[in-house]
PDB file of N, CA and C in Angstrom:
ATOM      1  N   MET A   1    -162.381  56.208 122.988  1.00  0.00           N
ATOM      2  CA  MET A   1    -160.764  55.931 122.998  1.00  0.00           C
ATOM      3  C   MET A   1    -160.559  54.388 122.748  1.00  0.00           C
ATOM      4  N   LYS A   2    -161.805  53.348 123.170  1.00  0.00           N
ATOM      5  CA  LYS A   2    -161.787  51.961 123.054  1.00  0.00           C
ATOM      6  C   LYS A   2    -161.976  51.828 121.167  1.00  0.00           C
ATOM      7  N   LYS A   3    -162.659  52.622 120.887  1.00  0.00           N
ATOM      8  CA  LYS A   3    -162.840  52.701 119.220  1.00  0.00           C
ATOM      9  C   LYS A   3    -161.493  52.758 118.702  1.00  0.00           C
ATOM     10  N   LEU A   4    -160.845  53.914 118.992  1.00  0.00           N
ATOM     11  CA  LEU A   4    -159.583  54.118 118.714  1.00  0.00           C
ATOM     12  C   LEU A   4    -158.113  53.149 118.505  1.00  0.00           C
ATOM     13  N   VAL A   5    -158.330  52.770 119.716  1.00  0.00           N
ATOM     14  CA  VAL A   5    -157.576  51.523 120.101  1.00  0.00           C
ATOM     15  C   VAL A   5    -158.098  50.337 119.236  1.00  0.00           C
ATOM     16  N   PHE A   6    -159.014  50.011 118.997  1.00  0.00           N
ATOM     17  CA  PHE A   6    -159.660  48.856 118.061  1.00  0.00           C
ATOM     18  C   PHE A   6    -159.113  49.171 116.702  1.00  0.00           C
ATOM     19  N   ALA A   7    -159.280  50.422 116.331  1.00  0.00           N
ATOM     20  CA  ALA A   7    -158.964  50.729 114.775  1.00  0.00           C
ATOM     21  C   ALA A   7    -157.870  50.431 114.623  1.00  0.00           C
ATOM     22  N   LEU A   8    -156.916  51.033 115.440  1.00  0.00           N
ATOM     23  CA  LEU A   8    -155.325  50.810 115.320  1.00  0.00           C
ATOM     24  C   LEU A   8    -154.705  49.617 115.450  1.00  0.00           C
ATOM     25  N   LEU A   9    -155.459  48.423 116.245  1.00  0.00           N
ATOM     26  CA  LEU A   9    -155.051  47.206 116.271  1.00  0.00           C
ATOM     27  C   LEU A   9    -155.589  46.635 114.892  1.00  0.00           C
ATOM     28  N   PHE A  10    -156.974  47.023 114.374  1.00  0.00           N
ATOM     29  CA  PHE A  10    -157.375  46.408 113.244  1.00  0.00           C
ATOM     30  C   PHE A  10    -156.364  46.780 111.897  1.00  0.00           C
ATOM     31  N   ILE A  11    -156.083  47.951 111.717  1.00  0.00           N
ATOM     32  CA  ILE A  11    -155.131  48.184 110.912  1.00  0.00           C
ATOM     33  C   ILE A  11    -153.761  47.564 111.247  1.00  0.00           C
ATOM     34  N   ALA A  12    -153.253  47.495 112.276  1.00  0.00           N
ATOM     35  CA  ALA A  12    -151.910  46.755 112.161  1.00  0.00           C
ATOM     36  C   ALA A  12    -152.043  45.472 111.965  1.00  0.00           C
ATOM     37  N   PHE A  13    -153.215  44.542 112.317  1.00  0.00           N
ATOM     38  CA  PHE A  13    -153.087  43.079 111.942  1.00  0.00           C
ATOM     39  C   PHE A  13    -153.510  43.064 110.379  1.00  0.00           C
ATOM     40  N   TYR A  14    -154.120  43.821 109.892  1.00  0.00           N
ATOM     41  CA  TYR A  14    -154.745  43.549 108.194  1.00  0.00           C
ATOM     42  C   TYR A  14    -153.300  44.110 107.494  1.00  0.00           C
ATOM     43  N   SER A  15    -152.601  44.848 107.905  1.00  0.00           N
ATOM     44  CA  SER A  15    -151.394  45.340 107.191  1.00  0.00           C
ATOM     45  C   SER A  15    -149.995  44.286 107.489  1.00  0.00           C
ATOM     46  N   CYS A  16    -150.115  43.310 108.559  1.00  0.00           N
ATOM     47  CA  CYS A  16    -149.040  42.274 108.647  1.00  0.00           C
ATOM     48  C   CYS A  16    -149.754  40.994 108.303  1.00  0.00           C
ATOM     49  N   SER A  17    -151.083  41.066 107.908  1.00  0.00           N
ATOM     50  CA  SER A  17    -151.617  39.662 107.332  1.00  0.00           C
ATOM     51  C   SER A  17    -150.651  39.027 106.687  1.00  0.00           C
ATOM     52  N   CYS A  18    -150.200  39.867 105.471  1.00  0.00           N
ATOM     53  CA  CYS A  18    -149.280  38.954 104.684  1.00  0.00           C
ATOM     54  C   CYS A  18    -147.975  38.440 105.277  1.00  0.00           C
ATOM     55  N   PHE A  19    -147.454  39.131 106.337  1.00  0.00           N
ATOM     56  CA  PHE A  19    -146.448  38.695 107.112  1.00  0.00           C
ATOM     57  C   PHE A  19    -146.830  37.117 107.779  1.00  0.00           C
ATOM     58  N   PHE A  20    -147.802  36.908 108.292  1.00  0.00           N
ATOM     59  CA  PHE A  20    -148.607  35.846 108.947  1.00  0.00           C
ATOM     60  C   PHE A  20    -148.989  34.536 108.336  1.00  0.00           C
ATOM     61  N   GLN A  21    -149.066  35.205 106.867  1.00  0.00           N
ATOM     62  CA  GLN A  21    -149.573  34.017 105.802  1.00  0.00           C
ATOM     63  C   GLN A  21    -148.343  33.856 104.911  1.00  0.00           C
ATOM     64  N   ASN A  22    -147.257  34.361 105.228  1.00  0.00           N
ATOM     65  CA  ASN A  22    -146.296  34.493 104.035  1.00  0.00           C
ATOM     66  C   ASN A  22    -146.467  34.351 102.342  1.00  0.00           C
ATOM     67  N   GLU A  23    -147.152  35.668 102.442  1.00  0.00           N
ATOM     68  CA  GLU A  23    -147.522  36.046 100.796  1.00  0.00           C
ATOM     69  C   GLU A  23    -146.898  37.543 100.503  1.00  0.00           C
ATOM     70  N   GLY A  24    -146.800  37.656  99.030  1.00  0.00           N
ATOM     71  CA  GLY A  24    -146.700  38.696  98.486  1.00  0.00           C
ATOM     72  C   GLY A  24    -147.644  38.988  97.033  1.00  0.00           C
ATOM     73  N   THR A  25    -147.340  40.030  96.396  1.00  0.00           N
ATOM     74  CA  THR A  25    -148.091  40.064  95.208  1.00  0.00           C
ATOM     75  C   THR A  25    -147.357  40.113  93.963  1.00  0.00           C
ATOM     76  N   LEU A  26    -148.056  39.126  92.983  1.00  0.00           N
ATOM     77  CA  LEU A  26    -147.620  39.163  91.663  1.00  0.00           C
ATOM     78  C   LEU A  26    -148.403  39.788  90.651  1.00  0.00           C
ATOM     79  N   THR A  27    -147.814  40.983  89.900  1.00  0.00           N
ATOM     80  CA  THR A  27    -148.755  41.508  89.143  1.00  0.00           C
ATOM     81  C   THR A  27    -148.308  41.323  87.593  1.00  0.00           C
ATOM     82  N   ILE A  28    -149.543  40.803  86.723  1.00  0.00           N
ATOM     83  CA  ILE A  28    -148.931  40.684  85.534  1.00  0.00           C
ATOM     84  C   ILE A  28    -149.466  41.429  84.646  1.00  0.00           C
ATOM     85  N   TYR A  29    -149.002  42.019  83.765  1.00  0.00           N
ATOM     86  CA  TYR A  29    -149.370  43.115  82.520  1.00  0.00           C
ATOM     87  C   TYR A  29    -149.539  42.205  81.268  1.00  0.00           C
ATOM     88  N   ASN A  30    -150.800  42.202  80.711  1.00  0.00           N
ATOM     89  CA  ASN A  30    -150.830  41.724  79.446  1.00  0.00           C
ATOM     90  C   ASN A  30    -150.963  42.415  78.529  1.00  0.00           C
ATOM     91  N   GLU A  31    -149.879  42.756  77.581  1.00  0.00           N
ATOM     92  CA  GLU A  31    -149.586  43.588  76.381  1.00  0.00           C
ATOM     93  C   GLU A  31    -149.601  42.783  75.139  1.00  0.00           C
ATOM     94  N   SER A  32    -150.373  41.770  75.188  1.00  0.00           N
ATOM     95  CA  SER A  32    -150.498  40.914  74.176  1.00  0.00           C
ATOM     96  C   SER A  32    -150.967  41.940  72.804  1.00  0.00           C
ATOM     97  N   LYS A  33    -149.776  41.462  71.693  1.00  0.00           N
ATOM     98  CA  LYS A  33    -149.927  42.263  70.354  1.00  0.00           C
ATOM     99  C   LYS A  33    -151.095  41.386  69.385  1.00  0.00           C
ATOM    100  N   SER A  34    -151.530  40.264  70.140  1.00  0.00           N
ATOM    101  CA  SER A  34    -152.861  39.321  69.324  1.00  0.00           C
ATOM    102  C   SER A  34    -154.036  39.513  70.234  1.00  0.00           C
ATOM    103  N   GLY A  35    -153.876  40.183  71.106  1.00  0.00           N
ATOM    104  CA  GLY A  35    -155.196  40.474  71.572  1.00  0.00           C
ATOM    105  C   GLY A  35    -155.658  39.248  72.483  1.00  0.00           C
ATOM    106  N   GLY A  36    -154.763  38.565  72.620  1.00  0.00           N
ATOM    107  CA  GLY A  36    -155.037  37.331  73.454  1.00  0.00           C
ATOM    108  C   GLY A  36    -155.446  37.310  74.964  1.00  0.00           C
ATOM    109  N   THR A  37    -155.967  36.496  75.611  1.00  0.00           N
ATOM    110  CA  THR A  37    -156.318  36.610  77.256  1.00  0.00           C
ATOM    111  C   THR A  37    -155.451  35.502  77.467  1.00  0.00           C
ATOM    112  N   TYR A  38    -154.475  35.750  78.749  1.00  0.00           N
ATOM    113  CA  TYR A  38    -153.403  35.142  79.369  1.00  0.00           C
ATOM    114  C   TYR A  38    -153.992  34.446  80.288  1.00  0.00           C
ATOM    115  N   LYS A  39    -153.563  33.003  80.755  1.00  0.00           N
ATOM    116  CA  LYS A  39    -154.144  32.205  81.690  1.00  0.00           C
ATOM    117  C   LYS A  39    -152.897  32.251  82.559  1.00  0.00           C
ATOM    118  N   ILE A  40    -152.817  32.528  83.845  1.00  0.00           N
ATOM    119  CA  ILE A  40    -151.605  32.630  84.745  1.00  0.00           C
ATOM    120  C   ILE A  40    -151.647  31.502  85.649  1.00  0.00           C
ATOM    121  N   GLU A  41    -150.351  30.635  85.509  1.00  0.00           N
ATOM    122  CA  GLU A  41    -149.931  29.708  86.087  1.00  0.00           C
ATOM    123  C   GLU A  41    -148.810  30.122  87.558  1.00  0.00           C
ATOM    124  N   VAL A  42    -149.120  29.662  88.404  1.00  0.00           N
ATOM    125  CA  VAL A  42    -147.925  29.951  89.475  1.00  0.00           C
ATOM    126  C   VAL A  42    -147.799  28.529  90.180  1.00  0.00           C
ATOM    127  N   ASP A  43    -146.171  28.008  90.050  1.00  0.00           N
ATOM    128  CA  ASP A  43    -146.236  26.549  90.674  1.00  0.00           C
ATOM    129  C   ASP A  43    -147.181  25.490  90.290  1.00  0.00           C
ATOM    130  N   ASN A  44    -147.377  25.814  88.939  1.00  0.00           N
ATOM    131  CA  ASN A  44    -148.640  24.661  88.081  1.00  0.00           C
ATOM    132  C   ASN A  44    -150.108  24.991  88.795  1.00  0.00           C
ATOM    133  N   ILE A  45    -150.166  25.679  89.699  1.00  0.00           N
ATOM    134  CA  ILE A  45    -151.563  26.252  89.975  1.00  0.00           C
ATOM    135  C   ILE A  45    -152.107  27.474  89.004  1.00  0.00           C
ATOM    136  N   ASN A  46    -153.451  27.113  88.696  1.00  0.00           N
ATOM    137  CA  ASN A  46    -154.089  28.351  87.767  1.00  0.00           C
ATOM    138  C   ASN A  46    -154.804  29.609  88.503  1.00  0.00           C
ATOM    139  N   TYR A  47    -153.931  30.322  88.484  1.00  0.00           N
ATOM    140  CA  TYR A  47    -154.514  31.630  89.365  1.00  0.00           C
ATOM    141  C   TYR A  47    -155.733  32.731  88.712  1.00  0.00           C
ATOM    142  N   GLY A  48    -155.865  32.158  87.127  1.00  0.00           N
ATOM    143  CA  GLY A  48    -157.177  32.972  86.826  1.00  0.00           C
ATOM    144  C   GLY A  48    -156.659  33.766  85.450  1.00  0.00           C
ATOM    145  N   ASP A  49    -156.979  34.431  84.858  1.00  0.00           N
ATOM    146  CA  ASP A  49    -156.742  35.087  83.631  1.00  0.00           C
ATOM    147  C   ASP A  49    -156.840  36.386  83.370  1.00  0.00           C
ATOM    148  N   VAL A  50    -156.025  37.236  82.440  1.00  0.00           N
ATOM    149  CA  VAL A  50    -155.451  38.408  82.220  1.00  0.00           C
ATOM    150  C   VAL A  50    -156.026  38.884  81.039  1.00  0.00           C
ATOM    151  N   GLY A  51    -156.959  39.901  80.716  1.00  0.00           N
ATOM    152  CA  GLY A  51    -157.348  40.204  79.613  1.00  0.00           C
ATOM    153  C   GLY A  51    -156.468  41.197  78.662  1.00  0.00           C
ATOM    154  N   PRO A  52    -156.417  41.118  77.170  1.00  0.00           N
ATOM    155  CA  PRO A  52    -155.541  41.951  76.803  1.00  0.00           C
ATOM    156  C   PRO A  52    -155.509  43.210  77.241  1.00  0.00           C
ATOM    157  N   GLY A  53    -154.772  44.061  77.248  1.00  0.00           N
ATOM    158  CA  GLY A  53    -154.257  45.437  77.841  1.00  0.00           C
ATOM    159  C   GLY A  53    -154.671  45.586  79.210  1.00  0.00           C
ATOM    160  N   GLN A  54    -155.029  44.576  80.097  1.00  0.00           N
ATOM    161  CA  GLN A  54    -155.165  44.492  81.403  1.00  0.00           C
ATOM    162  C   GLN A  54    -154.169  44.042  82.295  1.00  0.00           C
ATOM    163  N   SER A  55    -153.902  44.413  83.378  1.00  0.00           N
ATOM    164  CA  SER A  55    -153.034  43.913  84.568  1.00  0.00           C
ATOM    165  C   SER A  55    -153.833  43.472  85.705  1.00  0.00           C
ATOM    166  N   LYS A  56    -153.223  42.620  86.386  1.00  0.00           N
ATOM    167  CA  LYS A  56    -154.233  42.002  87.768  1.00  0.00           C
ATOM    168  C   LYS A  56    -153.120  41.732  88.496  1.00  0.00           C
ATOM    169  N   ASP A  57    -153.575  41.830  89.793  1.00  0.00           N
ATOM    170  CA  ASP A  57    -152.577  41.294  91.013  1.00  0.00           C
ATOM    171  C   ASP A  57    -153.137  39.992  91.307  1.00  0.00           C
ATOM    172  N   PHE A  58    -152.125  39.138  91.847  1.00  0.00           N
ATOM    173  CA  PHE A  58    -152.474  38.048  92.659  1.00  0.00           C
ATOM    174  C   PHE A  58    -151.841  37.880  93.607  1.00  0.00           C
ATOM    175  N   THR A  59    -152.306  37.264  94.526  1.00  0.00           N
ATOM    176  CA  THR A  59    -151.737  37.019  95.944  1.00  0.00           C
ATOM    177  C   THR A  59    -151.046  35.402  95.814  1.00  0.00           C
ATOM    178  N   VAL A  60    -149.785  35.751  96.272  1.00  0.00           N
ATOM    179  CA  VAL A  60    -149.381  34.372  96.128  1.00  0.00           C
ATOM    180  C   VAL A  60    -148.238  33.823  97.162  1.00  0.00           C
ATOM    181  N   PRO A  61    -147.761  32.873  97.424  1.00  0.00           N
ATOM    182  CA  PRO A  61    -147.019  32.785  98.539  1.00  0.00           C
ATOM    183  C   PRO A  61    -145.691  33.455  98.102  1.00  0.00           C
ATOM    184  N   ALA A  62    -144.910  34.025  99.106  1.00  0.00           N
ATOM    185  CA  ALA A  62    -143.470  34.522  98.925  1.00  0.00           C
ATOM    186  C   ALA A  62    -142.292  33.447  98.926  1.00  0.00           C
ATOM    187  N   GLY A  63    -141.681  33.915  98.170  1.00  0.00           N
ATOM    188  CA  GLY A  63    -140.256  32.905  97.671  1.00  0.00           C
ATOM    189  C   GLY A  63    -140.253  32.760  96.258  1.00  0.00           C
ATOM    190  N   ASP A  64    -139.383  31.800  95.965  1.00  0.00           N
ATOM    191  CA  ASP A  64    -139.282  31.630  94.592  1.00  0.00           C
ATOM    192  C   ASP A  64    -140.386  30.929  93.924  1.00  0.00           C
ATOM    193  N   ARG A  65    -141.165  31.498  92.871  1.00  0.00           N
ATOM    194  CA  ARG A  65    -142.303  30.920  92.287  1.00  0.00           C
ATOM    195  C   ARG A  65    -142.019  30.855  90.711  1.00  0.00           C
ATOM    196  N   ILE A  66    -142.328  29.647  90.355  1.00  0.00           N
ATOM    197  CA  ILE A  66    -142.485  29.403  88.982  1.00  0.00           C
ATOM    198  C   ILE A  66    -143.601  29.781  88.123  1.00  0.00           C
ATOM    199  N   VAL A  67    -143.640  30.800  87.281  1.00  0.00           N
ATOM    200  CA  VAL A  67    -144.614  31.497  86.338  1.00  0.00           C
ATOM    201  C   VAL A  67    -144.619  30.956  85.162  1.00  0.00           C
ATOM    202  N   ALA A  68    -146.108  30.417  84.724  1.00  0.00           N
ATOM    203  CA  ALA A  68    -146.206  30.470  83.482  1.00  0.00           C
ATOM    204  C   ALA A  68    -147.249  31.389  82.810  1.00  0.00           C
ATOM    205  N   ILE A  69    -146.909  31.989  81.654  1.00  0.00           N
ATOM    206  CA  ILE A  69    -148.159  32.820  81.301  1.00  0.00           C
ATOM    207  C   ILE A  69    -148.418  32.155  79.983  1.00  0.00           C
ATOM    208  N   LYS A  70    -149.675  31.499  79.895  1.00  0.00           N
ATOM    209  CA  LYS A  70    -150.440  30.770  78.594  1.00  0.00           C
ATOM    210  C   LYS A  70    -151.526  31.519  77.991  1.00  0.00           C
ATOM    211  N   PHE A  71    -151.663  31.300  76.749  1.00  0.00           N
ATOM    212  CA  PHE A  71    -152.852  31.719  76.029  1.00  0.00           C
ATOM    213  C   PHE A  71    -154.110  30.938  76.804  1.00  0.00           C
ATOM    214  N   ALA A  72    -155.020  31.652  77.037  1.00  0.00           N
ATOM    215  CA  ALA A  72    -156.178  30.737  77.614  1.00  0.00           C
ATOM    216  C   ALA A  72    -157.047  29.987  76.758  1.00  0.00           C
ATOM    217  N   HIS A  73    -156.907  30.349  75.445  1.00  0.00           N
ATOM    218  CA  HIS A  73    -157.722  29.425  74.547  1.00  0.00           C
ATOM    219  C   HIS A  73    -157.186  28.470  74.011  1.00  0.00           C
ATOM    220  N   ASN A  74    -155.631  27.999  74.199  1.00  0.00           N
ATOM    221  CA  ASN A  74    -155.478  26.637  73.976  1.00  0.00           C
ATOM    222  C   ASN A  74    -154.246  26.175  74.826  1.00  0.00           C
ATOM    223  N   GLY A  75    -153.995  26.910  75.777  1.00  0.00           N
ATOM    224  CA  GLY A  75    -152.972  26.597  76.923  1.00  0.00           C
ATOM    225  C   GLY A  75    -151.710  26.445  76.583  1.00  0.00           C
ATOM    226  N   GLN A  76    -151.171  26.764  75.160  1.00  0.00           N
ATOM    227  CA  GLN A  76    -149.706  27.092  74.996  1.00  0.00           C
ATOM    228  C   GLN A  76    -149.117  28.372  75.376  1.00  0.00           C
ATOM    229  N   LEU A  77    -147.626  28.361  75.802  1.00  0.00           N
ATOM    230  CA  LEU A  77    -147.152  29.325  76.379  1.00  0.00           C
ATOM    231  C   LEU A  77    -146.918  30.567  75.655  1.00  0.00           C
ATOM    232  N   ALA A  78    -147.291  31.782  75.993  1.00  0.00           N
ATOM    233  CA  ALA A  78    -147.186  33.020  75.754  1.00  0.00           C
ATOM    234  C   ALA A  78    -145.860  33.332  75.841  1.00  0.00           C
ATOM    235  N   CYS A  79    -145.388  33.224  76.879  1.00  0.00           N
ATOM    236  CA  CYS A  79    -143.999  33.845  77.366  1.00  0.00           C
ATOM    237  C   CYS A  79    -143.091  32.670  77.823  1.00  0.00           C
ATOM    238  N   GLN A  80    -141.910  32.705  77.941  1.00  0.00           N
ATOM    239  CA  GLN A  80    -141.357  31.605  78.666  1.00  0.00           C
ATOM    240  C   GLN A  80    -141.560  31.237  80.270  1.00  0.00           C
ATOM    241  N   TYR A  81    -141.355  30.216  80.573  1.00  0.00           N
ATOM    242  CA  TYR A  81    -141.596  29.891  82.163  1.00  0.00           C
ATOM    243  C   TYR A  81    -140.275  30.693  82.780  1.00  0.00           C
ATOM    244  N   VAL A  82    -140.514  31.409  83.839  1.00  0.00           N
ATOM    245  CA  VAL A  82    -139.842  32.306  84.726  1.00  0.00           C
ATOM    246  C   VAL A  82    -139.815  31.810  86.177  1.00  0.00           C
ATOM    247  N   VAL A  83    -138.769  32.033  86.762  1.00  0.00           N
ATOM    248  CA  VAL A  83    -138.528  31.966  88.251  1.00  0.00           C
ATOM    249  C   VAL A  83    -138.606  33.325  88.660  1.00  0.00           C
ATOM    250  N   VAL A  84    -139.598  33.885  89.388  1.00  0.00           N
ATOM    251  CA  VAL A  84    -139.769  35.267  90.200  1.00  0.00           C
ATOM    252  C   VAL A  84    -139.840  34.909  91.714  1.00  0.00           C
ATOM    253  N   ASN A  85    -138.796  35.837  92.062  1.00  0.00           N
ATOM    254  CA  ASN A  85    -138.707  35.855  93.849  1.00  0.00           C
ATOM    255  C   ASN A  85    -139.936  36.844  94.166  1.00  0.00           C
ATOM    256  N   ILE A  86    -141.074  36.380  94.971  1.00  0.00           N
ATOM    257  CA  ILE A  86    -141.861  37.272  95.613  1.00  0.00           C
ATOM    258  C   ILE A  86    -141.524  37.758  96.862  1.00  0.00           C
ATOM    259  N   PRO A  87    -141.303  38.715  97.254  1.00  0.00           N
ATOM    260  CA  PRO A  87    -140.719  39.307  98.463  1.00  0.00           C
ATOM    261  C   PRO A  87    -142.223  39.235  99.277  1.00  0.00           C
ATOM    262  N   LEU A  88    -141.628  38.970 100.687  1.00  0.00           N
ATOM    263  CA  LEU A  88    -142.493  38.726 101.795  1.00  0.00           C
ATOM    264  C   LEU A  88    -143.268  40.438 101.879  1.00  0.00           C
ATOM    265  N   CYS A  89    -144.772  40.327 101.750  1.00  0.00           N
ATOM    266  CA  CYS A  89    -145.502  41.640 101.815  1.00  0.00           C
ATOM    267  C   CYS A  89    -145.329  42.695 100.750  1.00  0.00           C
ATOM    268  N   GLY A  90    -144.134  42.122  99.916  1.00  0.00           N
ATOM    269  CA  GLY A  90    -143.808  43.151  98.629  1.00  0.00           C
ATOM    270  C   GLY A  90    -144.710  42.645  97.298  1.00  0.00           C
ATOM    271  N   SER A  91    -143.996  43.317  95.917  1.00  0.00           N
ATOM    272  CA  SER A  91    -144.706  42.972  95.009  1.00  0.00           C
ATOM    273  C   SER A  91    -143.612  42.838  93.595  1.00  0.00           C
ATOM    274  N   ARG A  92    -143.756  41.933  92.913  1.00  0.00           N
ATOM    275  CA  ARG A  92    -143.151  41.699  91.673  1.00  0.00           C
ATOM    276  C   ARG A  92    -144.046  41.874  90.652  1.00  0.00           C
ATOM    277  N   GLY A  93    -143.625  42.284  89.270  1.00  0.00           N
ATOM    278  CA  GLY A  93    -144.393  42.601  88.246  1.00  0.00           C
ATOM    279  C   GLY A  93    -143.719  41.730  87.041  1.00  0.00           C
ATOM    280  N   LEU A  94    -144.829  41.056  85.980  1.00  0.00           N
ATOM    281  CA  LEU A  94    -144.222  40.540  84.961  1.00  0.00           C
ATOM    282  C   LEU A  94    -145.243  41.165  83.796  1.00  0.00           C
ATOM    283  N   SER A  95    -144.659  41.143  82.444  1.00  0.00           N
ATOM    284  CA  SER A  95    -145.506  41.565  81.350  1.00  0.00           C
ATOM    285  C   SER A  95    -145.088  40.453  80.373  1.00  0.00           C
ATOM    286  N   CYS A  96    -145.951  40.381  79.176  1.00  0.00           N
ATOM    287  CA  CYS A  96    -146.014  39.529  78.100  1.00  0.00           C
ATOM    288  C   CYS A  96    -146.773  40.491  77.020  1.00  0.00           C
ATOM    289  N   ASP A  97    -146.033  40.310  75.924  1.00  0.00           N
ATOM    290  CA  ASP A  97    -146.635  40.763  74.677  1.00  0.00           C
ATOM    291  C   ASP A  97    -146.542  39.932  73.445  1.00  0.00           C
ATOM    292  N   GLN A  98    -146.767  38.592  73.711  1.00  0.00           N
ATOM    293  CA  GLN A  98    -147.186  37.787  72.633  1.00  0.00           C
ATOM    294  C   GLN A  98    -148.653  37.732  71.967  1.00  0.00           C
TER     295      GLN A  98
END
């Protein structure tokens, strides 16, 4: 019985951790026609790269975020800056095809 209670508490805490940490998920889809890798910046913080034909989830603070999708090889914008509202414990997706 103690193991069941512990398991339920663990699941409840794990599923609510985004709430306590004020986070959501931003998914970036790289649909690049040029085959370029994108560098993802959220509020001027580099979150990593997304290769051509790939998608990647990033855990970011919830709320309005300024997202820049840049070419990794030269830092130039691949798509325009965009403000995205990341819902608490939810997700939003963006795609770029340059």
